[in-house]
Amino acid sequence: MDEALARQERALITGEQAHPPGAICIASGELARFPHFTHSMLHLLRPHASTIEMHCGLNVAANFNAGIRRTLANPDLQWVWIMGDDHEFEATTLLRLLDRQVDVLVPLCVRRQPPFIPVLFREPESDTPIGQFPPFHWHQLPSTGLLEVYTAGSAGMLIRRSVLERIGDPWFEMGQMGKDLTNEDTYFCKKVQDCGIKIYADMDVQLDHWTPVSFRPIRTEAGRWTVAMNLGNGLQVSLPPDYLLELVQVVKEESKENFGLTQPA
């Protein structure tokens, strides 16, 4: 059994709690964009008396700030977990982040557009354009443990109350690092760095990043039909034709549909 899940079950039995309550601050439109996000939230384990602040609107910074203000108005809440509605995560994700006992921590998350790099960045060089940061690449990441980063995306960012109180309102601001860039998350990270507080990424906690993709029928070089995923920016990934045959067989066995599966001549 997962250690975080086992600990949560022991807490329910004994009445003890390993972590203080906090608030999950969600930025969304009127409806969450992906049902997998809602499913993840419904199953998320969190300390007793923790709250959920879901604020809707097109201004992500305003949504997060509204949630943080309400959180700090309650002296019992000791952390904020920032989350967008385009992510999927395991039930123990929040508890594992809380276990690390650091001031600012993010899970490992991938950018959802090509070239699919980690949303983790190093300190800018002297010639780095404002609002941009040198990224960490996959081969530069440790296989486990914590990695200190200069800035990161806010998805799944766990922030302790003491950090928020030190920075002050507003925490997230848009357009402060590049006029044509939102960068509300990287500007928040700059505020954290200016306070002398370190930011870490947890290699042992991963966060899914959802994105719409299109599917199109294509022919392989051998002339066989298959399906390709159009990931945007000219990047297309085709599925092997034999994999599609296997997939049809699996769906046929697990559903009531009959696809009339036949092997190609």
C-alpha atoms as a PDB file:
ATOM      1  CA  MET A   1       0.000   0.000   0.000  1.00  0.00           C
ATOM      2  CA  ASP A   2       1.225   3.518  -0.748  1.00  0.00           C
ATOM      3  CA  GLU A   3       2.900   5.010   2.332  1.00  0.00           C
ATOM      4  CA  ALA A   4       0.926   8.268   2.142  1.00  0.00           C
ATOM      5  CA  LEU A   5      -2.344   6.371   1.811  1.00  0.00           C
ATOM      6  CA  ALA A   6      -1.504   4.120   4.747  1.00  0.00           C
ATOM      7  CA  ARG A   7      -0.625   7.148   6.867  1.00  0.00           C
ATOM      8  CA  GLN A   8      -3.934   8.791   5.982  1.00  0.00           C
ATOM      9  CA  GLU A   9      -5.819   5.675   7.055  1.00  0.00           C
ATOM     10  CA  ARG A  10      -3.946   5.580  10.371  1.00  0.00           C
ATOM     11  CA  ALA A  11      -4.807   9.235  10.934  1.00  0.00           C
ATOM     12  CA  LEU A  12      -8.500   8.490  10.436  1.00  0.00           C
ATOM     13  CA  ILE A  13      -8.314   5.685  13.007  1.00  0.00           C
ATOM     14  CA  THR A  14      -6.244   7.482  15.663  1.00  0.00           C
ATOM     15  CA  GLY A  15      -7.538  11.014  15.158  1.00  0.00           C
ATOM     16  CA  GLU A  16      -3.973  12.270  14.715  1.00  0.00           C
ATOM     17  CA  GLN A  17      -2.882  14.336  11.746  1.00  0.00           C
ATOM     18  CA  ALA A  18       0.559  14.545  10.187  1.00  0.00           C
ATOM     19  CA  HIS A  19      -0.069  17.917   8.509  1.00  0.00           C
ATOM     20  CA  PRO A  20      -2.060  21.059   9.326  1.00  0.00           C
ATOM     21  CA  PRO A  21      -5.002  22.015   7.117  1.00  0.00           C
ATOM     22  CA  GLY A  22      -4.623  24.314   4.151  1.00  0.00           C
ATOM     23  CA  ALA A  23      -6.448  25.366   0.997  1.00  0.00           C
ATOM     24  CA  ILE A  24      -6.494  24.033  -2.532  1.00  0.00           C
ATOM     25  CA  CYS A  25      -6.753  27.059  -4.833  1.00  0.00           C
ATOM     26  CA  ILE A  26      -8.184  26.205  -8.244  1.00  0.00           C
ATOM     27  CA  ALA A  27      -8.353  28.519 -11.251  1.00  0.00           C
ATOM     28  CA  SER A  28     -10.978  27.525 -13.775  1.00  0.00           C
ATOM     29  CA  GLY A  29     -13.604  28.714 -16.200  1.00  0.00           C
ATOM     30  CA  GLU A  30     -17.250  28.131 -15.417  1.00  0.00           C
ATOM     31  CA  LEU A  31     -16.655  24.409 -15.890  1.00  0.00           C
ATOM     32  CA  ALA A  32     -13.470  22.382 -15.509  1.00  0.00           C
ATOM     33  CA  ARG A  33     -12.095  21.719 -18.988  1.00  0.00           C
ATOM     34  CA  PHE A  34     -11.207  18.074 -18.433  1.00  0.00           C
ATOM     35  CA  PRO A  35     -13.243  15.474 -16.509  1.00  0.00           C
ATOM     36  CA  HIS A  36     -10.035  13.762 -15.405  1.00  0.00           C
ATOM     37  CA  PHE A  37      -9.276  16.827 -13.286  1.00  0.00           C
ATOM     38  CA  THR A  38     -12.628  16.580 -11.512  1.00  0.00           C
ATOM     39  CA  HIS A  39     -12.094  12.853 -10.972  1.00  0.00           C
ATOM     40  CA  SER A  40      -8.657  13.522  -9.454  1.00  0.00           C
ATOM     41  CA  MET A  41     -10.019  16.177  -7.094  1.00  0.00           C
ATOM     42  CA  LEU A  42     -12.808  13.900  -5.902  1.00  0.00           C
ATOM     43  CA  HIS A  43     -10.281  11.252  -4.879  1.00  0.00           C
ATOM     44  CA  LEU A  44      -7.569  13.550  -3.509  1.00  0.00           C
ATOM     45  CA  LEU A  45      -6.455  12.859   0.053  1.00  0.00           C
ATOM     46  CA  ARG A  46      -5.930  16.022   2.086  1.00  0.00           C
ATOM     47  CA  PRO A  47      -5.496  16.933   5.770  1.00  0.00           C
ATOM     48  CA  HIS A  48      -8.671  17.231   7.799  1.00  0.00           C
ATOM     49  CA  ALA A  49     -10.362  20.673   7.724  1.00  0.00           C
ATOM     50  CA  SER A  50      -8.595  21.665   4.504  1.00  0.00           C
ATOM     51  CA  THR A  51     -10.701  23.755   2.139  1.00  0.00           C
ATOM     52  CA  ILE A  52     -11.106  24.178  -1.608  1.00  0.00           C
ATOM     53  CA  GLU A  53     -11.124  27.624  -3.192  1.00  0.00           C
ATOM     54  CA  MET A  54     -12.338  27.436  -6.790  1.00  0.00           C
ATOM     55  CA  HIS A  55     -12.441  30.798  -8.518  1.00  0.00           C
ATOM     56  CA  CYS A  56     -13.648  31.214 -12.085  1.00  0.00           C
ATOM     57  CA  GLY A  57     -12.675  33.704 -14.747  1.00  0.00           C
ATOM     58  CA  LEU A  58     -10.200  34.399 -17.515  1.00  0.00           C
ATOM     59  CA  ASN A  59      -7.653  36.142 -15.255  1.00  0.00           C
ATOM     60  CA  VAL A  60      -5.640  33.323 -13.704  1.00  0.00           C
ATOM     61  CA  ALA A  61      -3.714  35.657 -11.405  1.00  0.00           C
ATOM     62  CA  ALA A  62      -6.923  37.168 -10.034  1.00  0.00           C
ATOM     63  CA  ASN A  63      -8.368  33.700  -9.429  1.00  0.00           C
ATOM     64  CA  PHE A  64      -5.362  32.568  -7.423  1.00  0.00           C
ATOM     65  CA  ASN A  65      -5.134  35.828  -5.489  1.00  0.00           C
ATOM     66  CA  ALA A  66      -8.803  35.596  -4.518  1.00  0.00           C
ATOM     67  CA  GLY A  67      -8.259  32.099  -3.169  1.00  0.00           C
ATOM     68  CA  ILE A  68      -5.145  33.101  -1.238  1.00  0.00           C
ATOM     69  CA  ARG A  69      -6.914  36.075   0.367  1.00  0.00           C
ATOM     70  CA  ARG A  70      -9.675  33.835   1.658  1.00  0.00           C
ATOM     71  CA  THR A  71      -7.100  31.321   2.853  1.00  0.00           C
ATOM     72  CA  LEU A  72      -5.093  33.846   4.856  1.00  0.00           C
ATOM     73  CA  ALA A  73      -8.294  35.132   6.460  1.00  0.00           C
ATOM     74  CA  ASN A  74      -8.475  31.777   8.251  1.00  0.00           C
ATOM     75  CA  PRO A  75      -5.540  31.484  10.682  1.00  0.00           C
ATOM     76  CA  ASP A  76      -5.889  27.701  10.833  1.00  0.00           C
ATOM     77  CA  LEU A  77      -4.926  27.213   7.192  1.00  0.00           C
ATOM     78  CA  GLN A  78      -1.171  26.842   6.825  1.00  0.00           C
ATOM     79  CA  TRP A  79      -0.565  26.225   3.123  1.00  0.00           C
ATOM     80  CA  VAL A  80      -1.951  26.794  -0.358  1.00  0.00           C
ATOM     81  CA  TRP A  81      -1.851  24.257  -3.180  1.00  0.00           C
ATOM     82  CA  ILE A  82      -2.146  25.964  -6.575  1.00  0.00           C
ATOM     83  CA  MET A  83      -3.946  23.989  -9.268  1.00  0.00           C
ATOM     84  CA  GLY A  84      -5.370  24.540 -12.748  1.00  0.00           C
ATOM     85  CA  ASP A  85      -8.196  22.522 -14.244  1.00  0.00           C
ATOM     86  CA  ASP A  86      -6.077  20.861 -16.939  1.00  0.00           C
ATOM     87  CA  HIS A  87      -4.216  18.407 -14.715  1.00  0.00           C
ATOM     88  CA  GLU A  88      -4.596  14.872 -13.451  1.00  0.00           C
ATOM     89  CA  PHE A  89      -2.914  13.480 -10.346  1.00  0.00           C
ATOM     90  CA  GLU A  90      -2.823  10.570  -7.924  1.00  0.00           C
ATOM     91  CA  ALA A  91      -4.828  10.597  -4.695  1.00  0.00           C
ATOM     92  CA  THR A  92      -1.686  10.862  -2.536  1.00  0.00           C
ATOM     93  CA  THR A  93      -0.045  13.693  -4.514  1.00  0.00           C
ATOM     94  CA  LEU A  94      -0.741  16.487  -2.026  1.00  0.00           C
ATOM     95  CA  LEU A  95       0.247  14.437   1.027  1.00  0.00           C
ATOM     96  CA  ARG A  96       3.571  13.479  -0.531  1.00  0.00           C
ATOM     97  CA  LEU A  97       4.343  17.108  -1.292  1.00  0.00           C
ATOM     98  CA  LEU A  98       3.449  18.110   2.276  1.00  0.00           C
ATOM     99  CA  ASP A  99       5.791  15.413   3.576  1.00  0.00           C
ATOM    100  CA  ARG A 100       8.783  17.273   2.118  1.00  0.00           C
ATOM    101  CA  GLN A 101       8.412  20.133   4.617  1.00  0.00           C
ATOM    102  CA  VAL A 102       9.818  22.847   2.330  1.00  0.00           C
ATOM    103  CA  ASP A 103       8.539  26.392   1.749  1.00  0.00           C
ATOM    104  CA  VAL A 104       7.771  26.219  -1.991  1.00  0.00           C
ATOM    105  CA  LEU A 105       7.553  22.954  -3.892  1.00  0.00           C
ATOM    106  CA  VAL A 106       6.232  21.828  -7.273  1.00  0.00           C
ATOM    107  CA  PRO A 107       5.660  18.349  -8.708  1.00  0.00           C
ATOM    108  CA  LEU A 108       7.314  17.355 -11.954  1.00  0.00           C
ATOM    109  CA  CYS A 109       5.119  18.557 -14.810  1.00  0.00           C
ATOM    110  CA  VAL A 110       5.660  18.634 -18.576  1.00  0.00           C
ATOM    111  CA  ARG A 111       4.834  21.537 -20.874  1.00  0.00           C
ATOM    112  CA  ARG A 112       1.898  20.449 -22.997  1.00  0.00           C
ATOM    113  CA  GLN A 113       3.213  21.879 -26.258  1.00  0.00           C
ATOM    114  CA  PRO A 114       6.269  20.702 -28.222  1.00  0.00           C
ATOM    115  CA  PRO A 115       9.086  20.257 -27.378  1.00  0.00           C
ATOM    116  CA  PHE A 116       7.524  18.857 -24.152  1.00  0.00           C
ATOM    117  CA  ILE A 117      10.166  20.056 -21.710  1.00  0.00           C
ATOM    118  CA  PRO A 118       9.793  20.075 -17.909  1.00  0.00           C
ATOM    119  CA  VAL A 119       8.170  23.260 -16.604  1.00  0.00           C
ATOM    120  CA  LEU A 120      11.307  23.941 -14.573  1.00  0.00           C
ATOM    121  CA  PHE A 121      13.806  26.704 -15.266  1.00  0.00           C
ATOM    122  CA  ARG A 122      17.269  27.905 -14.278  1.00  0.00           C
ATOM    123  CA  GLU A 123      18.418  31.418 -13.435  1.00  0.00           C
ATOM    124  CA  PRO A 124      18.502  33.656 -16.537  1.00  0.00           C
ATOM    125  CA  GLU A 125      21.797  34.642 -18.117  1.00  0.00           C
ATOM    126  CA  SER A 126      22.740  38.278 -18.702  1.00  0.00           C
ATOM    127  CA  ASP A 127      21.552  38.086 -22.317  1.00  0.00           C
ATOM    128  CA  THR A 128      18.324  36.175 -21.598  1.00  0.00           C
ATOM    129  CA  PRO A 129      15.275  38.194 -22.797  1.00  0.00           C
ATOM    130  CA  ILE A 130      13.005  39.431 -20.023  1.00  0.00           C
ATOM    131  CA  GLY A 131      10.314  36.931 -19.142  1.00  0.00           C
ATOM    132  CA  GLN A 132      12.280  33.963 -20.472  1.00  0.00           C
ATOM    133  CA  PHE A 133      14.366  31.470 -18.529  1.00  0.00           C
ATOM    134  CA  PRO A 134      16.786  28.709 -19.570  1.00  0.00           C
ATOM    135  CA  PRO A 135      14.867  25.438 -19.163  1.00  0.00           C
ATOM    136  CA  PHE A 136      15.967  22.269 -17.489  1.00  0.00           C
ATOM    137  CA  HIS A 137      16.047  19.398 -19.977  1.00  0.00           C
ATOM    138  CA  TRP A 138      15.143  15.827 -19.149  1.00  0.00           C
ATOM    139  CA  HIS A 139      18.748  14.609 -19.093  1.00  0.00           C
ATOM    140  CA  GLN A 140      19.584  17.300 -16.525  1.00  0.00           C
ATOM    141  CA  LEU A 141      17.055  16.066 -13.962  1.00  0.00           C
ATOM    142  CA  PRO A 142      17.952  13.680 -11.145  1.00  0.00           C
ATOM    143  CA  SER A 143      16.020  10.413 -11.105  1.00  0.00           C
ATOM    144  CA  THR A 144      14.669  11.003  -7.600  1.00  0.00           C
ATOM    145  CA  GLY A 145      14.589  13.488  -4.723  1.00  0.00           C
ATOM    146  CA  LEU A 146      14.384  17.273  -4.728  1.00  0.00           C
ATOM    147  CA  LEU A 147      15.878  19.637  -7.301  1.00  0.00           C
ATOM    148  CA  GLU A 148      16.398  23.322  -6.531  1.00  0.00           C
ATOM    149  CA  VAL A 149      15.098  25.476  -9.394  1.00  0.00           C
ATOM    150  CA  TYR A 150      15.026  29.202 -10.059  1.00  0.00           C
ATOM    151  CA  THR A 151      11.468  29.315 -11.311  1.00  0.00           C
ATOM    152  CA  ALA A 152       8.708  26.889 -12.257  1.00  0.00           C
ATOM    153  CA  GLY A 153       5.152  26.726 -13.473  1.00  0.00           C
ATOM    154  CA  SER A 154       2.579  27.102 -10.731  1.00  0.00           C
ATOM    155  CA  ALA A 155       0.754  23.840 -11.500  1.00  0.00           C
ATOM    156  CA  GLY A 156       0.610  21.860  -8.271  1.00  0.00           C
ATOM    157  CA  MET A 157       2.755  24.431  -6.462  1.00  0.00           C
ATOM    158  CA  LEU A 158       2.635  24.003  -2.684  1.00  0.00           C
ATOM    159  CA  ILE A 159       3.263  27.281  -0.844  1.00  0.00           C
ATOM    160  CA  ARG A 160       3.524  27.637   2.928  1.00  0.00           C
ATOM    161  CA  ARG A 161       1.536  30.370   4.666  1.00  0.00           C
ATOM    162  CA  SER A 162       4.696  32.071   5.938  1.00  0.00           C
ATOM    163  CA  VAL A 163       5.845  32.639   2.350  1.00  0.00           C
ATOM    164  CA  LEU A 164       2.538  34.188   1.312  1.00  0.00           C
ATOM    165  CA  GLU A 165       2.499  36.478   4.348  1.00  0.00           C
ATOM    166  CA  ARG A 166       6.033  37.610   3.638  1.00  0.00           C
ATOM    167  CA  ILE A 167       5.391  38.422  -0.035  1.00  0.00           C
ATOM    168  CA  GLY A 168       2.067  40.157   0.503  1.00  0.00           C
ATOM    169  CA  ASP A 169      -0.922  40.914  -1.706  1.00  0.00           C
ATOM    170  CA  PRO A 170      -0.942  40.659  -4.727  1.00  0.00           C
ATOM    171  CA  TRP A 171       0.969  37.414  -5.013  1.00  0.00           C
ATOM    172  CA  PHE A 172       0.323  36.715  -8.677  1.00  0.00           C
ATOM    173  CA  GLU A 173       0.496  39.481 -11.296  1.00  0.00           C
ATOM    174  CA  MET A 174       0.225  39.317 -15.072  1.00  0.00           C
ATOM    175  CA  GLY A 175       2.328  41.189 -17.615  1.00  0.00           C
ATOM    176  CA  GLN A 176       5.139  42.042 -15.211  1.00  0.00           C
ATOM    177  CA  MET A 177       7.772  40.021 -17.090  1.00  0.00           C
ATOM    178  CA  GLY A 178       7.313  40.782 -20.770  1.00  0.00           C
ATOM    179  CA  LYS A 179       4.421  42.905 -22.035  1.00  0.00           C
ATOM    180  CA  ASP A 180       3.064  40.136 -24.266  1.00  0.00           C
ATOM    181  CA  LEU A 181       3.527  37.379 -21.694  1.00  0.00           C
ATOM    182  CA  THR A 182       1.300  36.465 -18.772  1.00  0.00           C
ATOM    183  CA  ASN A 183       4.125  34.948 -16.655  1.00  0.00           C
ATOM    184  CA  GLU A 184       2.108  35.256 -13.441  1.00  0.00           C
ATOM    185  CA  ASP A 185       3.814  32.106 -12.143  1.00  0.00           C
ATOM    186  CA  THR A 186       7.390  33.107 -13.002  1.00  0.00           C
ATOM    187  CA  TYR A 187       6.883  36.576 -11.537  1.00  0.00           C
ATOM    188  CA  PHE A 188       5.657  34.975  -8.325  1.00  0.00           C
ATOM    189  CA  CYS A 189       8.798  32.843  -8.304  1.00  0.00           C
ATOM    190  CA  LYS A 190      10.896  36.010  -8.694  1.00  0.00           C
ATOM    191  CA  LYS A 191       9.213  37.427  -5.596  1.00  0.00           C
ATOM    192  CA  VAL A 192      10.042  34.231  -3.751  1.00  0.00           C
ATOM    193  CA  GLN A 193      13.688  34.434  -4.847  1.00  0.00           C
ATOM    194  CA  ASP A 194      13.874  38.109  -3.831  1.00  0.00           C
ATOM    195  CA  CYS A 195      12.863  37.051  -0.318  1.00  0.00           C
ATOM    196  CA  GLY A 196      15.732  34.572  -0.206  1.00  0.00           C
ATOM    197  CA  ILE A 197      13.390  31.574  -0.219  1.00  0.00           C
ATOM    198  CA  LYS A 198      14.335  28.488  -2.214  1.00  0.00           C
ATOM    199  CA  ILE A 199      12.050  26.758  -4.718  1.00  0.00           C
ATOM    200  CA  TYR A 200      12.214  23.009  -5.201  1.00  0.00           C
ATOM    201  CA  ALA A 201      10.802  20.455  -7.633  1.00  0.00           C
ATOM    202  CA  ASP A 202       9.956  16.953  -6.435  1.00  0.00           C
ATOM    203  CA  MET A 203      11.136  14.284  -8.874  1.00  0.00           C
ATOM    204  CA  ASP A 204       9.087  11.646  -7.035  1.00  0.00           C
ATOM    205  CA  VAL A 205       5.737  13.373  -7.567  1.00  0.00           C
ATOM    206  CA  GLN A 206       4.480  13.740 -11.132  1.00  0.00           C
ATOM    207  CA  LEU A 207       1.570  15.761 -12.481  1.00  0.00           C
ATOM    208  CA  ASP A 208      -0.252  15.006 -15.738  1.00  0.00           C
ATOM    209  CA  HIS A 209      -0.876  17.936 -18.073  1.00  0.00           C
ATOM    210  CA  TRP A 210      -3.915  17.584 -20.310  1.00  0.00           C
ATOM    211  CA  THR A 211      -4.205  19.106 -23.745  1.00  0.00           C
ATOM    212  CA  PRO A 212      -6.631  18.683 -26.644  1.00  0.00           C
ATOM    213  CA  VAL A 213      -5.192  16.808 -29.593  1.00  0.00           C
ATOM    214  CA  SER A 214      -6.646  15.983 -32.985  1.00  0.00           C
ATOM    215  CA  PHE A 215      -6.606  12.576 -34.626  1.00  0.00           C
ATOM    216  CA  ARG A 216      -6.334  12.108 -38.357  1.00  0.00           C
ATOM    217  CA  PRO A 217      -6.217   9.072 -40.666  1.00  0.00           C
ATOM    218  CA  ILE A 218      -2.915   8.710 -42.505  1.00  0.00           C
ATOM    219  CA  ARG A 219      -1.158   6.112 -44.645  1.00  0.00           C
ATOM    220  CA  THR A 220       2.181   4.660 -43.676  1.00  0.00           C
ATOM    221  CA  GLU A 221       5.043   4.429 -46.167  1.00  0.00           C
ATOM    222  CA  ALA A 222       3.881   0.863 -46.841  1.00  0.00           C
ATOM    223  CA  GLY A 223       0.408   2.144 -47.734  1.00  0.00           C
ATOM    224  CA  ARG A 224      -1.421   0.863 -44.621  1.00  0.00           C
ATOM    225  CA  TRP A 225      -3.955   3.058 -42.891  1.00  0.00           C
ATOM    226  CA  THR A 226      -3.372   4.144 -39.316  1.00  0.00           C
ATOM    227  CA  VAL A 227      -4.196   7.042 -36.991  1.00  0.00           C
ATOM    228  CA  ALA A 228      -1.933   9.968 -36.144  1.00  0.00           C
ATOM    229  CA  MET A 229      -2.138  12.401 -33.262  1.00  0.00           C
ATOM    230  CA  ASN A 230      -1.662  16.014 -34.314  1.00  0.00           C
ATOM    231  CA  LEU A 231       0.073  17.621 -31.336  1.00  0.00           C
ATOM    232  CA  GLY A 232       0.376  21.090 -32.822  1.00  0.00           C
ATOM    233  CA  ASN A 233       3.351  23.114 -34.041  1.00  0.00           C
ATOM    234  CA  GLY A 234       3.722  20.730 -36.963  1.00  0.00           C
ATOM    235  CA  LEU A 235       4.362  17.721 -34.722  1.00  0.00           C
ATOM    236  CA  GLN A 236       2.476  14.556 -35.662  1.00  0.00           C
ATOM    237  CA  VAL A 237       2.831  11.140 -34.026  1.00  0.00           C
ATOM    238  CA  SER A 238       1.468   8.112 -35.867  1.00  0.00           C
ATOM    239  CA  LEU A 239       0.344   4.940 -34.131  1.00  0.00           C
ATOM    240  CA  PRO A 240       1.637   1.616 -35.486  1.00  0.00           C
ATOM    241  CA  PRO A 241      -1.111  -0.120 -37.503  1.00  0.00           C
ATOM    242  CA  ASP A 242      -0.626  -3.370 -35.572  1.00  0.00           C
ATOM    243  CA  TYR A 243      -1.211  -1.504 -32.325  1.00  0.00           C
ATOM    244  CA  LEU A 244      -4.608  -0.361 -33.607  1.00  0.00           C
ATOM    245  CA  LEU A 245      -5.563  -3.984 -34.261  1.00  0.00           C
ATOM    246  CA  GLU A 246      -4.577  -4.915 -30.716  1.00  0.00           C
ATOM    247  CA  LEU A 247      -6.493  -1.948 -29.326  1.00  0.00           C
ATOM    248  CA  VAL A 248      -9.670  -2.937 -31.170  1.00  0.00           C
ATOM    249  CA  GLN A 249      -9.377  -6.447 -29.737  1.00  0.00           C
ATOM    250  CA  VAL A 250      -9.006  -5.108 -26.182  1.00  0.00           C
ATOM    251  CA  VAL A 251     -12.002  -2.791 -26.550  1.00  0.00           C
ATOM    252  CA  LYS A 252     -14.052  -5.630 -28.043  1.00  0.00           C
ATOM    253  CA  GLU A 253     -13.257  -7.900 -25.097  1.00  0.00           C
ATOM    254  CA  GLU A 254     -14.058  -5.248 -22.486  1.00  0.00           C
ATOM    255  CA  SER A 255     -17.225  -3.832 -24.035  1.00  0.00           C
ATOM    256  CA  LYS A 256     -20.448  -4.950 -25.688  1.00  0.00           C
ATOM    257  CA  GLU A 257     -19.428  -3.618 -29.074  1.00  0.00           C
ATOM    258  CA  ASN A 258     -18.557  -5.897 -31.941  1.00  0.00           C
ATOM    259  CA  PHE A 259     -16.045  -4.298 -34.284  1.00  0.00           C
ATOM    260  CA  GLY A 260     -15.863  -7.212 -36.720  1.00  0.00           C
ATOM    261  CA  LEU A 261     -12.100  -7.490 -36.256  1.00  0.00           C
ATOM    262  CA  THR A 262     -10.282  -9.115 -39.148  1.00  0.00           C
ATOM    263  CA  GLN A 263      -6.608  -9.392 -39.868  1.00  0.00           C
ATOM    264  CA  PRO A 264      -5.301  -7.637 -42.990  1.00  0.00           C
ATOM    265  CA  ALA A 265      -4.634  -9.842 -45.977  1.00  0.00           C
END
